[in-house]
ModelCIF file with pLDDT and N, C-alpha, C, O atoms, coordinates in Angstrom:
data_MODEL
#
_entry.id   MODEL 
#
_entity.id                         1 
_entity.type                       polymer 
_entity.pdbx_number_of_molecules   1 
#
_entity_poly.entity_id                      1 
_entity_poly.type                           'polypeptide(L)' 
_entity_poly.nstd_linkage                   no 
_entity_poly.nstd_monomer                   no 
_entity_poly.pdbx_seq_one_letter_code       
;(UNK)(UNK)(UNK)(UNK)(UNK)(UNK)(UNK)(UNK)(UNK)(UNK)(UNK)(UNK)(UNK)(UNK)(UNK)(UNK)
(UNK)(UNK)(UNK)(UNK)(UNK)(UNK)(UNK)(UNK)(UNK)(UNK)(UNK)(UNK)(UNK)(UNK)(UNK)(UNK)
(UNK)(UNK)(UNK)(UNK)(UNK)(UNK)(UNK)(UNK)(UNK)(UNK)(UNK)(UNK)(UNK)
;
_entity_poly.pdbx_seq_one_letter_code_can   XXXXXXXXXXXXXXXXXXXXXXXXXXXXXXXXXXXXXXXXXXXXX 
_entity_poly.pdbx_strand_id                 A 
#
loop_
_entity_poly_seq.entity_id 
_entity_poly_seq.num 
_entity_poly_seq.mon_id 
_entity_poly_seq.hetero 
1 1  UNK n 
1 2  UNK n 
1 3  UNK n 
1 4  UNK n 
1 5  UNK n 
1 6  UNK n 
1 7  UNK n 
1 8  UNK n 
1 9  UNK n 
1 10 UNK n 
1 11 UNK n 
1 12 UNK n 
1 13 UNK n 
1 14 UNK n 
1 15 UNK n 
1 16 UNK n 
1 17 UNK n 
1 18 UNK n 
1 19 UNK n 
1 20 UNK n 
1 21 UNK n 
1 22 UNK n 
1 23 UNK n 
1 24 UNK n 
1 25 UNK n 
1 26 UNK n 
1 27 UNK n 
1 28 UNK n 
1 29 UNK n 
1 30 UNK n 
1 31 UNK n 
1 32 UNK n 
1 33 UNK n 
1 34 UNK n 
1 35 UNK n 
1 36 UNK n 
1 37 UNK n 
1 38 UNK n 
1 39 UNK n 
1 40 UNK n 
1 41 UNK n 
1 42 UNK n 
1 43 UNK n 
1 44 UNK n 
1 45 UNK n 
#
_struct_asym.id          A 
_struct_asym.entity_id   1 
#
loop_
_ma_qa_metric.id 
_ma_qa_metric.mode 
_ma_qa_metric.name 
_ma_qa_metric.software_group_id 
_ma_qa_metric.type 
1 global pLDDT . pLDDT 
2 local  pLDDT . pLDDT 
#
_ma_qa_metric_global.metric_id      1 
_ma_qa_metric_global.metric_value   95.49 
_ma_qa_metric_global.model_id       1 
_ma_qa_metric_global.ordinal_id     1 
#
loop_
_ma_qa_metric_local.label_asym_id 
_ma_qa_metric_local.label_comp_id 
_ma_qa_metric_local.label_seq_id 
_ma_qa_metric_local.metric_id 
_ma_qa_metric_local.metric_value 
_ma_qa_metric_local.model_id 
_ma_qa_metric_local.ordinal_id 
A UNK 1  2 97.00 1 1  
A UNK 2  2 97.00 1 2  
A UNK 3  2 95.00 1 3  
A UNK 4  2 95.00 1 4  
A UNK 5  2 94.00 1 5  
A UNK 6  2 94.00 1 6  
A UNK 7  2 93.00 1 7  
A UNK 8  2 87.00 1 8  
A UNK 9  2 83.00 1 9  
A UNK 10 2 81.00 1 10 
A UNK 11 2 86.00 1 11 
A UNK 12 2 90.00 1 12 
A UNK 13 2 91.00 1 13 
A UNK 14 2 92.00 1 14 
A UNK 15 2 95.00 1 15 
A UNK 16 2 95.00 1 16 
A UNK 17 2 96.00 1 17 
A UNK 18 2 95.00 1 18 
A UNK 19 2 97.00 1 19 
A UNK 20 2 97.00 1 20 
A UNK 21 2 97.00 1 21 
A UNK 22 2 97.00 1 22 
A UNK 23 2 97.00 1 23 
A UNK 24 2 98.00 1 24 
A UNK 25 2 98.00 1 25 
A UNK 26 2 98.00 1 26 
A UNK 27 2 98.00 1 27 
A UNK 28 2 98.00 1 28 
A UNK 29 2 98.00 1 29 
A UNK 30 2 98.00 1 30 
A UNK 31 2 98.00 1 31 
A UNK 32 2 98.00 1 32 
A UNK 33 2 98.00 1 33 
A UNK 34 2 98.00 1 34 
A UNK 35 2 98.00 1 35 
A UNK 36 2 98.00 1 36 
A UNK 37 2 98.00 1 37 
A UNK 38 2 98.00 1 38 
A UNK 39 2 98.00 1 39 
A UNK 40 2 98.00 1 40 
A UNK 41 2 98.00 1 41 
A UNK 42 2 98.00 1 42 
A UNK 43 2 98.00 1 43 
A UNK 44 2 98.00 1 44 
A UNK 45 2 98.00 1 45 
#
loop_
_atom_site.group_PDB 
_atom_site.id 
_atom_site.type_symbol 
_atom_site.label_atom_id 
_atom_site.label_alt_id 
_atom_site.label_comp_id 
_atom_site.label_asym_id 
_atom_site.label_entity_id 
_atom_site.label_seq_id 
_atom_site.pdbx_PDB_ins_code 
_atom_site.Cartn_x 
_atom_site.Cartn_y 
_atom_site.Cartn_z 
_atom_site.occupancy 
_atom_site.B_iso_or_equiv 
_atom_site.pdbx_formal_charge 
_atom_site.auth_seq_id 
_atom_site.auth_comp_id 
_atom_site.auth_asym_id 
_atom_site.auth_atom_id 
_atom_site.pdbx_PDB_model_num 
ATOM 1   N N  . UNK A 1 1  ? -6.099  7.719   -1.457  1.00 97.00 ? 1  UNK A N  1 
ATOM 2   C CA . UNK A 1 1  ? -6.144  6.609   -1.285  1.00 97.00 ? 1  UNK A CA 1 
ATOM 3   C C  . UNK A 1 1  ? -5.689  6.152   0.456   1.00 97.00 ? 1  UNK A C  1 
ATOM 4   O O  . UNK A 1 1  ? -5.526  5.043   0.964   1.00 97.00 ? 1  UNK A O  1 
ATOM 5   N N  . UNK A 1 2  ? -5.584  7.578   1.046   1.00 97.00 ? 2  UNK A N  1 
ATOM 6   C CA . UNK A 1 2  ? -4.955  7.353   2.302   1.00 97.00 ? 2  UNK A CA 1 
ATOM 7   C C  . UNK A 1 2  ? -5.576  8.127   3.434   1.00 97.00 ? 2  UNK A C  1 
ATOM 8   O O  . UNK A 1 2  ? -5.860  9.312   3.255   1.00 97.00 ? 2  UNK A O  1 
ATOM 9   N N  . UNK A 1 3  ? -5.760  7.653   4.361   1.00 95.00 ? 3  UNK A N  1 
ATOM 10  C CA . UNK A 1 3  ? -6.340  8.292   5.602   1.00 95.00 ? 3  UNK A CA 1 
ATOM 11  C C  . UNK A 1 3  ? -5.183  9.451   6.367   1.00 95.00 ? 3  UNK A C  1 
ATOM 12  O O  . UNK A 1 3  ? -3.954  9.412   6.305   1.00 95.00 ? 3  UNK A O  1 
ATOM 13  N N  . UNK A 1 4  ? -5.960  10.340  7.000   1.00 95.00 ? 4  UNK A N  1 
ATOM 14  C CA . UNK A 1 4  ? -4.846  11.007  8.154   1.00 95.00 ? 4  UNK A CA 1 
ATOM 15  C C  . UNK A 1 4  ? -4.918  9.691   8.701   1.00 95.00 ? 4  UNK A C  1 
ATOM 16  O O  . UNK A 1 4  ? -5.485  8.655   8.354   1.00 95.00 ? 4  UNK A O  1 
ATOM 17  N N  . UNK A 1 5  ? -3.824  10.182  10.121  1.00 94.00 ? 5  UNK A N  1 
ATOM 18  C CA . UNK A 1 5  ? -3.378  9.325   11.279  1.00 94.00 ? 5  UNK A CA 1 
ATOM 19  C C  . UNK A 1 5  ? -4.718  9.214   12.179  1.00 94.00 ? 5  UNK A C  1 
ATOM 20  O O  . UNK A 1 5  ? -5.253  10.139  12.790  1.00 94.00 ? 5  UNK A O  1 
ATOM 21  N N  . UNK A 1 6  ? -5.150  7.817   12.114  1.00 94.00 ? 6  UNK A N  1 
ATOM 22  C CA . UNK A 1 6  ? -6.087  7.437   13.122  1.00 94.00 ? 6  UNK A CA 1 
ATOM 23  C C  . UNK A 1 6  ? -5.769  6.704   14.377  1.00 94.00 ? 6  UNK A C  1 
ATOM 24  O O  . UNK A 1 6  ? -4.960  5.780   14.299  1.00 94.00 ? 6  UNK A O  1 
ATOM 25  N N  . UNK A 1 7  ? -6.291  6.993   15.496  1.00 93.00 ? 7  UNK A N  1 
ATOM 26  C CA . UNK A 1 7  ? -5.856  6.454   16.536  1.00 93.00 ? 7  UNK A CA 1 
ATOM 27  C C  . UNK A 1 7  ? -6.521  5.063   16.681  1.00 93.00 ? 7  UNK A C  1 
ATOM 28  O O  . UNK A 1 7  ? -7.586  5.021   16.066  1.00 93.00 ? 7  UNK A O  1 
ATOM 29  N N  . UNK A 1 8  ? -6.219  3.979   17.280  1.00 87.00 ? 8  UNK A N  1 
ATOM 30  C CA . UNK A 1 8  ? -6.979  2.452   17.417  1.00 87.00 ? 8  UNK A CA 1 
ATOM 31  C C  . UNK A 1 8  ? -7.966  2.608   18.257  1.00 87.00 ? 8  UNK A C  1 
ATOM 32  O O  . UNK A 1 8  ? -7.889  3.199   19.334  1.00 87.00 ? 8  UNK A O  1 
ATOM 33  N N  . UNK A 1 9  ? -9.137  1.968   17.696  1.00 83.00 ? 9  UNK A N  1 
ATOM 34  C CA . UNK A 1 9  ? -10.302 1.876   18.872  1.00 83.00 ? 9  UNK A CA 1 
ATOM 35  C C  . UNK A 1 9  ? -9.816  0.706   19.735  1.00 83.00 ? 9  UNK A C  1 
ATOM 36  O O  . UNK A 1 9  ? -10.007 0.667   20.950  1.00 83.00 ? 9  UNK A O  1 
ATOM 37  N N  . UNK A 1 10 ? -9.184  -0.238  19.045  1.00 81.00 ? 10 UNK A N  1 
ATOM 38  C CA . UNK A 1 10 ? -8.697  -1.197  19.635  1.00 81.00 ? 10 UNK A CA 1 
ATOM 39  C C  . UNK A 1 10 ? -7.489  -1.290  20.873  1.00 81.00 ? 10 UNK A C  1 
ATOM 40  O O  . UNK A 1 10 ? -7.433  -1.993  21.882  1.00 81.00 ? 10 UNK A O  1 
ATOM 41  N N  . UNK A 1 11 ? -6.737  -0.453  20.426  1.00 86.00 ? 11 UNK A N  1 
ATOM 42  C CA . UNK A 1 11 ? -5.676  -0.174  21.415  1.00 86.00 ? 11 UNK A CA 1 
ATOM 43  C C  . UNK A 1 11 ? -5.298  1.347   21.426  1.00 86.00 ? 11 UNK A C  1 
ATOM 44  O O  . UNK A 1 11 ? -4.577  1.741   20.509  1.00 86.00 ? 11 UNK A O  1 
ATOM 45  N N  . UNK A 1 12 ? -5.694  2.193   22.329  1.00 90.00 ? 12 UNK A N  1 
ATOM 46  C CA . UNK A 1 12 ? -5.851  3.473   21.836  1.00 90.00 ? 12 UNK A CA 1 
ATOM 47  C C  . UNK A 1 12 ? -4.286  4.074   22.321  1.00 90.00 ? 12 UNK A C  1 
ATOM 48  O O  . UNK A 1 12 ? -4.088  5.252   22.618  1.00 90.00 ? 12 UNK A O  1 
ATOM 49  N N  . UNK A 1 13 ? -3.135  2.893   22.329  1.00 91.00 ? 13 UNK A N  1 
ATOM 50  C CA . UNK A 1 13 ? -1.893  3.452   22.215  1.00 91.00 ? 13 UNK A CA 1 
ATOM 51  C C  . UNK A 1 13 ? -1.171  3.738   21.376  1.00 91.00 ? 13 UNK A C  1 
ATOM 52  O O  . UNK A 1 13 ? -0.168  4.451   21.352  1.00 91.00 ? 13 UNK A O  1 
ATOM 53  N N  . UNK A 1 14 ? -2.057  2.753   20.118  1.00 92.00 ? 14 UNK A N  1 
ATOM 54  C CA . UNK A 1 14 ? -1.431  2.751   18.732  1.00 92.00 ? 14 UNK A CA 1 
ATOM 55  C C  . UNK A 1 14 ? -1.998  3.692   17.677  1.00 92.00 ? 14 UNK A C  1 
ATOM 56  O O  . UNK A 1 14 ? -3.163  4.068   17.800  1.00 92.00 ? 14 UNK A O  1 
ATOM 57  N N  . UNK A 1 15 ? -1.208  4.125   16.581  1.00 95.00 ? 15 UNK A N  1 
ATOM 58  C CA . UNK A 1 15 ? -2.288  4.782   15.574  1.00 95.00 ? 15 UNK A CA 1 
ATOM 59  C C  . UNK A 1 15 ? -1.798  4.128   14.170  1.00 95.00 ? 15 UNK A C  1 
ATOM 60  O O  . UNK A 1 15 ? -0.645  3.709   14.069  1.00 95.00 ? 15 UNK A O  1 
ATOM 61  N N  . UNK A 1 16 ? -2.709  4.057   13.100  1.00 95.00 ? 16 UNK A N  1 
ATOM 62  C CA . UNK A 1 16 ? -2.590  3.742   11.789  1.00 95.00 ? 16 UNK A CA 1 
ATOM 63  C C  . UNK A 1 16 ? -2.994  4.723   10.848  1.00 95.00 ? 16 UNK A C  1 
ATOM 64  O O  . UNK A 1 16 ? -3.463  5.810   11.184  1.00 95.00 ? 16 UNK A O  1 
ATOM 65  N N  . UNK A 1 17 ? -2.794  4.304   9.496   1.00 96.00 ? 17 UNK A N  1 
ATOM 66  C CA . UNK A 1 17 ? -3.403  4.840   8.499   1.00 96.00 ? 17 UNK A CA 1 
ATOM 67  C C  . UNK A 1 17 ? -4.400  3.631   7.873   1.00 96.00 ? 17 UNK A C  1 
ATOM 68  O O  . UNK A 1 17 ? -4.018  2.463   7.807   1.00 96.00 ? 17 UNK A O  1 
ATOM 69  N N  . UNK A 1 18 ? -5.488  3.993   7.505   1.00 95.00 ? 18 UNK A N  1 
ATOM 70  C CA . UNK A 1 18 ? -6.551  3.448   6.738   1.00 95.00 ? 18 UNK A CA 1 
ATOM 71  C C  . UNK A 1 18 ? -5.989  3.518   5.008   1.00 95.00 ? 18 UNK A C  1 
ATOM 72  O O  . UNK A 1 18 ? -5.420  4.574   4.729   1.00 95.00 ? 18 UNK A O  1 
ATOM 73  N N  . UNK A 1 19 ? -6.088  2.667   4.065   1.00 97.00 ? 19 UNK A N  1 
ATOM 74  C CA . UNK A 1 19 ? -6.020  2.769   2.908   1.00 97.00 ? 19 UNK A CA 1 
ATOM 75  C C  . UNK A 1 19 ? -7.017  2.239   1.977   1.00 97.00 ? 19 UNK A C  1 
ATOM 76  O O  . UNK A 1 19 ? -8.066  1.682   2.303   1.00 97.00 ? 19 UNK A O  1 
ATOM 77  N N  . UNK A 1 20 ? -6.573  2.475   0.724   1.00 97.00 ? 20 UNK A N  1 
ATOM 78  C CA . UNK A 1 20 ? -7.548  1.665   -0.346  1.00 97.00 ? 20 UNK A CA 1 
ATOM 79  C C  . UNK A 1 20 ? -6.415  0.545   -1.061  1.00 97.00 ? 20 UNK A C  1 
ATOM 80  O O  . UNK A 1 20 ? -5.426  0.856   -1.725  1.00 97.00 ? 20 UNK A O  1 
ATOM 81  N N  . UNK A 1 21 ? -6.770  -0.506  -0.795  1.00 97.00 ? 21 UNK A N  1 
ATOM 82  C CA . UNK A 1 21 ? -6.166  -1.605  -1.216  1.00 97.00 ? 21 UNK A CA 1 
ATOM 83  C C  . UNK A 1 21 ? -6.110  -1.966  -2.806  1.00 97.00 ? 21 UNK A C  1 
ATOM 84  O O  . UNK A 1 21 ? -5.206  -2.658  -3.276  1.00 97.00 ? 21 UNK A O  1 
ATOM 85  N N  . UNK A 1 22 ? -7.148  -1.436  -3.565  1.00 97.00 ? 22 UNK A N  1 
ATOM 86  C CA . UNK A 1 22 ? -7.332  -0.989  -5.044  1.00 97.00 ? 22 UNK A CA 1 
ATOM 87  C C  . UNK A 1 22 ? -6.371  -0.483  -5.427  1.00 97.00 ? 22 UNK A C  1 
ATOM 88  O O  . UNK A 1 22 ? -5.521  -1.052  -6.112  1.00 97.00 ? 22 UNK A O  1 
ATOM 89  N N  . UNK A 1 23 ? -6.321  0.929   -4.974  1.00 97.00 ? 23 UNK A N  1 
ATOM 90  C CA . UNK A 1 23 ? -5.504  2.161   -5.331  1.00 97.00 ? 23 UNK A CA 1 
ATOM 91  C C  . UNK A 1 23 ? -3.807  1.695   -4.955  1.00 97.00 ? 23 UNK A C  1 
ATOM 92  O O  . UNK A 1 23 ? -2.833  2.126   -5.572  1.00 97.00 ? 23 UNK A O  1 
ATOM 93  N N  . UNK A 1 24 ? -3.772  0.997   -4.127  1.00 98.00 ? 24 UNK A N  1 
ATOM 94  C CA . UNK A 1 24 ? -2.312  0.619   -3.531  1.00 98.00 ? 24 UNK A CA 1 
ATOM 95  C C  . UNK A 1 24 ? -1.818  -0.185  -4.667  1.00 98.00 ? 24 UNK A C  1 
ATOM 96  O O  . UNK A 1 24 ? -0.759  0.283   -5.085  1.00 98.00 ? 24 UNK A O  1 
ATOM 97  N N  . UNK A 1 25 ? -2.281  -1.411  -5.426  1.00 98.00 ? 25 UNK A N  1 
ATOM 98  C CA . UNK A 1 25 ? -1.920  -2.073  -6.013  1.00 98.00 ? 25 UNK A CA 1 
ATOM 99  C C  . UNK A 1 25 ? -1.415  -0.892  -7.354  1.00 98.00 ? 25 UNK A C  1 
ATOM 100 O O  . UNK A 1 25 ? -0.335  -1.045  -7.925  1.00 98.00 ? 25 UNK A O  1 
ATOM 101 N N  . UNK A 1 26 ? -2.308  0.177   -7.690  1.00 98.00 ? 26 UNK A N  1 
ATOM 102 C CA . UNK A 1 26 ? -1.719  0.933   -8.824  1.00 98.00 ? 26 UNK A CA 1 
ATOM 103 C C  . UNK A 1 26 ? -0.256  1.678   -8.325  1.00 98.00 ? 26 UNK A C  1 
ATOM 104 O O  . UNK A 1 26 ? 0.787   1.468   -8.944  1.00 98.00 ? 26 UNK A O  1 
ATOM 105 N N  . UNK A 1 27 ? -0.302  2.384   -7.382  1.00 98.00 ? 27 UNK A N  1 
ATOM 106 C CA . UNK A 1 27 ? 0.746   3.271   -6.815  1.00 98.00 ? 27 UNK A CA 1 
ATOM 107 C C  . UNK A 1 27 ? 2.049   2.173   -7.035  1.00 98.00 ? 27 UNK A C  1 
ATOM 108 O O  . UNK A 1 27 ? 3.074   2.433   -7.665  1.00 98.00 ? 27 UNK A O  1 
ATOM 109 N N  . UNK A 1 28 ? 1.763   0.984   -6.403  1.00 98.00 ? 28 UNK A N  1 
ATOM 110 C CA . UNK A 1 28 ? 2.961   0.188   -6.182  1.00 98.00 ? 28 UNK A CA 1 
ATOM 111 C C  . UNK A 1 28 ? 3.798   -0.252  -8.012  1.00 98.00 ? 28 UNK A C  1 
ATOM 112 O O  . UNK A 1 28 ? 4.935   -0.129  -8.469  1.00 98.00 ? 28 UNK A O  1 
ATOM 113 N N  . UNK A 1 29 ? 2.851   -0.628  -8.404  1.00 98.00 ? 29 UNK A N  1 
ATOM 114 C CA . UNK A 1 29 ? 3.285   -0.829  -10.073 1.00 98.00 ? 29 UNK A CA 1 
ATOM 115 C C  . UNK A 1 29 ? 4.127   0.575   -10.359 1.00 98.00 ? 29 UNK A C  1 
ATOM 116 O O  . UNK A 1 29 ? 5.261   0.542   -10.838 1.00 98.00 ? 29 UNK A O  1 
ATOM 117 N N  . UNK A 1 30 ? 3.511   1.701   -10.045 1.00 98.00 ? 30 UNK A N  1 
ATOM 118 C CA . UNK A 1 30 ? 3.800   2.884   -10.843 1.00 98.00 ? 30 UNK A CA 1 
ATOM 119 C C  . UNK A 1 30 ? 5.427   2.990   -10.186 1.00 98.00 ? 30 UNK A C  1 
ATOM 120 O O  . UNK A 1 30 ? 6.451   3.139   -10.852 1.00 98.00 ? 30 UNK A O  1 
ATOM 121 N N  . UNK A 1 31 ? 5.336   2.876   -8.812  1.00 98.00 ? 31 UNK A N  1 
ATOM 122 C CA . UNK A 1 31 ? 6.622   3.230   -8.158  1.00 98.00 ? 31 UNK A CA 1 
ATOM 123 C C  . UNK A 1 31 ? 7.802   2.209   -8.540  1.00 98.00 ? 31 UNK A C  1 
ATOM 124 O O  . UNK A 1 31 ? 8.941   2.676   -8.540  1.00 98.00 ? 31 UNK A O  1 
ATOM 125 N N  . UNK A 1 32 ? 7.621   0.803   -8.877  1.00 98.00 ? 32 UNK A N  1 
ATOM 126 C CA . UNK A 1 32 ? 8.634   0.012   -9.298  1.00 98.00 ? 32 UNK A CA 1 
ATOM 127 C C  . UNK A 1 32 ? 8.853   0.354   -10.754 1.00 98.00 ? 32 UNK A C  1 
ATOM 128 O O  . UNK A 1 32 ? 9.973   0.223   -11.249 1.00 98.00 ? 32 UNK A O  1 
ATOM 129 N N  . UNK A 1 33 ? 7.888   0.759   -11.409 1.00 98.00 ? 33 UNK A N  1 
ATOM 130 C CA . UNK A 1 33 ? 8.102   0.578   -12.744 1.00 98.00 ? 33 UNK A CA 1 
ATOM 131 C C  . UNK A 1 33 ? 8.984   2.422   -12.831 1.00 98.00 ? 33 UNK A C  1 
ATOM 132 O O  . UNK A 1 33 ? 10.100  2.421   -13.349 1.00 98.00 ? 33 UNK A O  1 
ATOM 133 N N  . UNK A 1 34 ? 8.601   3.375   -12.488 1.00 98.00 ? 34 UNK A N  1 
ATOM 134 C CA . UNK A 1 34 ? 9.341   4.436   -12.243 1.00 98.00 ? 34 UNK A CA 1 
ATOM 135 C C  . UNK A 1 34 ? 10.792  4.106   -11.921 1.00 98.00 ? 34 UNK A C  1 
ATOM 136 O O  . UNK A 1 34 ? 11.672  4.371   -12.740 1.00 98.00 ? 34 UNK A O  1 
ATOM 137 N N  . UNK A 1 35 ? 11.097  3.468   -10.611 1.00 98.00 ? 35 UNK A N  1 
ATOM 138 C CA . UNK A 1 35 ? 12.418  3.381   -10.447 1.00 98.00 ? 35 UNK A CA 1 
ATOM 139 C C  . UNK A 1 35 ? 13.346  2.603   -11.210 1.00 98.00 ? 35 UNK A C  1 
ATOM 140 O O  . UNK A 1 35 ? 14.549  2.548   -10.952 1.00 98.00 ? 35 UNK A O  1 
ATOM 141 N N  . UNK A 1 36 ? 12.645  1.859   -12.377 1.00 98.00 ? 36 UNK A N  1 
ATOM 142 C CA . UNK A 1 36 ? 13.363  0.696   -13.406 1.00 98.00 ? 36 UNK A CA 1 
ATOM 143 C C  . UNK A 1 36 ? 13.367  -0.340  -13.103 1.00 98.00 ? 36 UNK A C  1 
ATOM 144 O O  . UNK A 1 36 ? 14.338  -0.942  -13.561 1.00 98.00 ? 36 UNK A O  1 
ATOM 145 N N  . UNK A 1 37 ? 12.401  -1.215  -12.213 1.00 98.00 ? 37 UNK A N  1 
ATOM 146 C CA . UNK A 1 37 ? 12.431  -2.559  -12.131 1.00 98.00 ? 37 UNK A CA 1 
ATOM 147 C C  . UNK A 1 37 ? 11.603  -2.933  -13.040 1.00 98.00 ? 37 UNK A C  1 
ATOM 148 O O  . UNK A 1 37 ? 10.691  -2.164  -13.345 1.00 98.00 ? 37 UNK A O  1 
ATOM 149 N N  . UNK A 1 38 ? 11.733  -4.223  -13.692 1.00 98.00 ? 38 UNK A N  1 
ATOM 150 C CA . UNK A 1 38 ? 11.036  -5.019  -14.658 1.00 98.00 ? 38 UNK A CA 1 
ATOM 151 C C  . UNK A 1 38 ? 9.944   -5.762  -13.400 1.00 98.00 ? 38 UNK A C  1 
ATOM 152 O O  . UNK A 1 38 ? 10.122  -6.000  -12.205 1.00 98.00 ? 38 UNK A O  1 
ATOM 153 N N  . UNK A 1 39 ? 8.803   -5.969  -14.306 1.00 98.00 ? 39 UNK A N  1 
ATOM 154 C CA . UNK A 1 39 ? 7.904   -6.997  -13.543 1.00 98.00 ? 39 UNK A CA 1 
ATOM 155 C C  . UNK A 1 39 ? 7.468   -8.139  -14.287 1.00 98.00 ? 39 UNK A C  1 
ATOM 156 O O  . UNK A 1 39 ? 7.230   -8.000  -15.486 1.00 98.00 ? 39 UNK A O  1 
ATOM 157 N N  . UNK A 1 40 ? 7.333   -9.244  -13.732 1.00 98.00 ? 40 UNK A N  1 
ATOM 158 C CA . UNK A 1 40 ? 6.786   -10.414 -14.234 1.00 98.00 ? 40 UNK A CA 1 
ATOM 159 C C  . UNK A 1 40 ? 5.938   -11.089 -13.399 1.00 98.00 ? 40 UNK A C  1 
ATOM 160 O O  . UNK A 1 40 ? 6.258   -11.742 -12.405 1.00 98.00 ? 40 UNK A O  1 
ATOM 161 N N  . UNK A 1 41 ? 4.647   -10.872 -13.922 1.00 98.00 ? 41 UNK A N  1 
ATOM 162 C CA . UNK A 1 41 ? 3.437   -11.572 -13.065 1.00 98.00 ? 41 UNK A CA 1 
ATOM 163 C C  . UNK A 1 41 ? 2.844   -13.030 -13.395 1.00 98.00 ? 41 UNK A C  1 
ATOM 164 O O  . UNK A 1 41 ? 3.208   -13.838 -14.249 1.00 98.00 ? 41 UNK A O  1 
ATOM 165 N N  . UNK A 1 42 ? 1.879   -13.102 -12.505 1.00 98.00 ? 42 UNK A N  1 
ATOM 166 C CA . UNK A 1 42 ? 1.745   -14.872 -12.887 1.00 98.00 ? 42 UNK A CA 1 
ATOM 167 C C  . UNK A 1 42 ? 2.431   -15.556 -12.847 1.00 98.00 ? 42 UNK A C  1 
ATOM 168 O O  . UNK A 1 42 ? 2.178   -16.446 -13.659 1.00 98.00 ? 42 UNK A O  1 
ATOM 169 N N  . UNK A 1 43 ? 3.535   -15.772 -12.163 1.00 98.00 ? 43 UNK A N  1 
ATOM 170 C CA . UNK A 1 43 ? 4.491   -16.752 -12.164 1.00 98.00 ? 43 UNK A CA 1 
ATOM 171 C C  . UNK A 1 43 ? 4.868   -17.229 -11.106 1.00 98.00 ? 43 UNK A C  1 
ATOM 172 O O  . UNK A 1 43 ? 4.522   -16.574 -10.123 1.00 98.00 ? 43 UNK A O  1 
ATOM 173 N N  . UNK A 1 44 ? 5.485   -18.177 -10.899 1.00 98.00 ? 44 UNK A N  1 
ATOM 174 C CA . UNK A 1 44 ? 5.528   -19.019 -9.651  1.00 98.00 ? 44 UNK A CA 1 
ATOM 175 C C  . UNK A 1 44 ? 7.099   -19.733 -9.790  1.00 98.00 ? 44 UNK A C  1 
ATOM 176 O O  . UNK A 1 44 ? 7.410   -20.530 -10.675 1.00 98.00 ? 44 UNK A O  1 
ATOM 177 N N  . UNK A 1 45 ? 7.949   -19.271 -8.761  1.00 98.00 ? 45 UNK A N  1 
ATOM 178 C CA . UNK A 1 45 ? 9.158   -20.046 -8.494  1.00 98.00 ? 45 UNK A CA 1 
ATOM 179 C C  . UNK A 1 45 ? 9.047   -21.451 -8.488  1.00 98.00 ? 45 UNK A C  1 
ATOM 180 O O  . UNK A 1 45 ? 10.039  -22.147 -8.267  1.00 98.00 ? 45 UNK A O  1 
#
């Protein structure tokens, strides 16, 4: 879900990673749960 380093065509002084937003959702959940955090979705303070 991640590209190699890409040089920006907008500003060649910069580099970035392209990524897959949908896979990133899965990665974030996995990392938070494995660290021991509890999650509560669909909830507004």
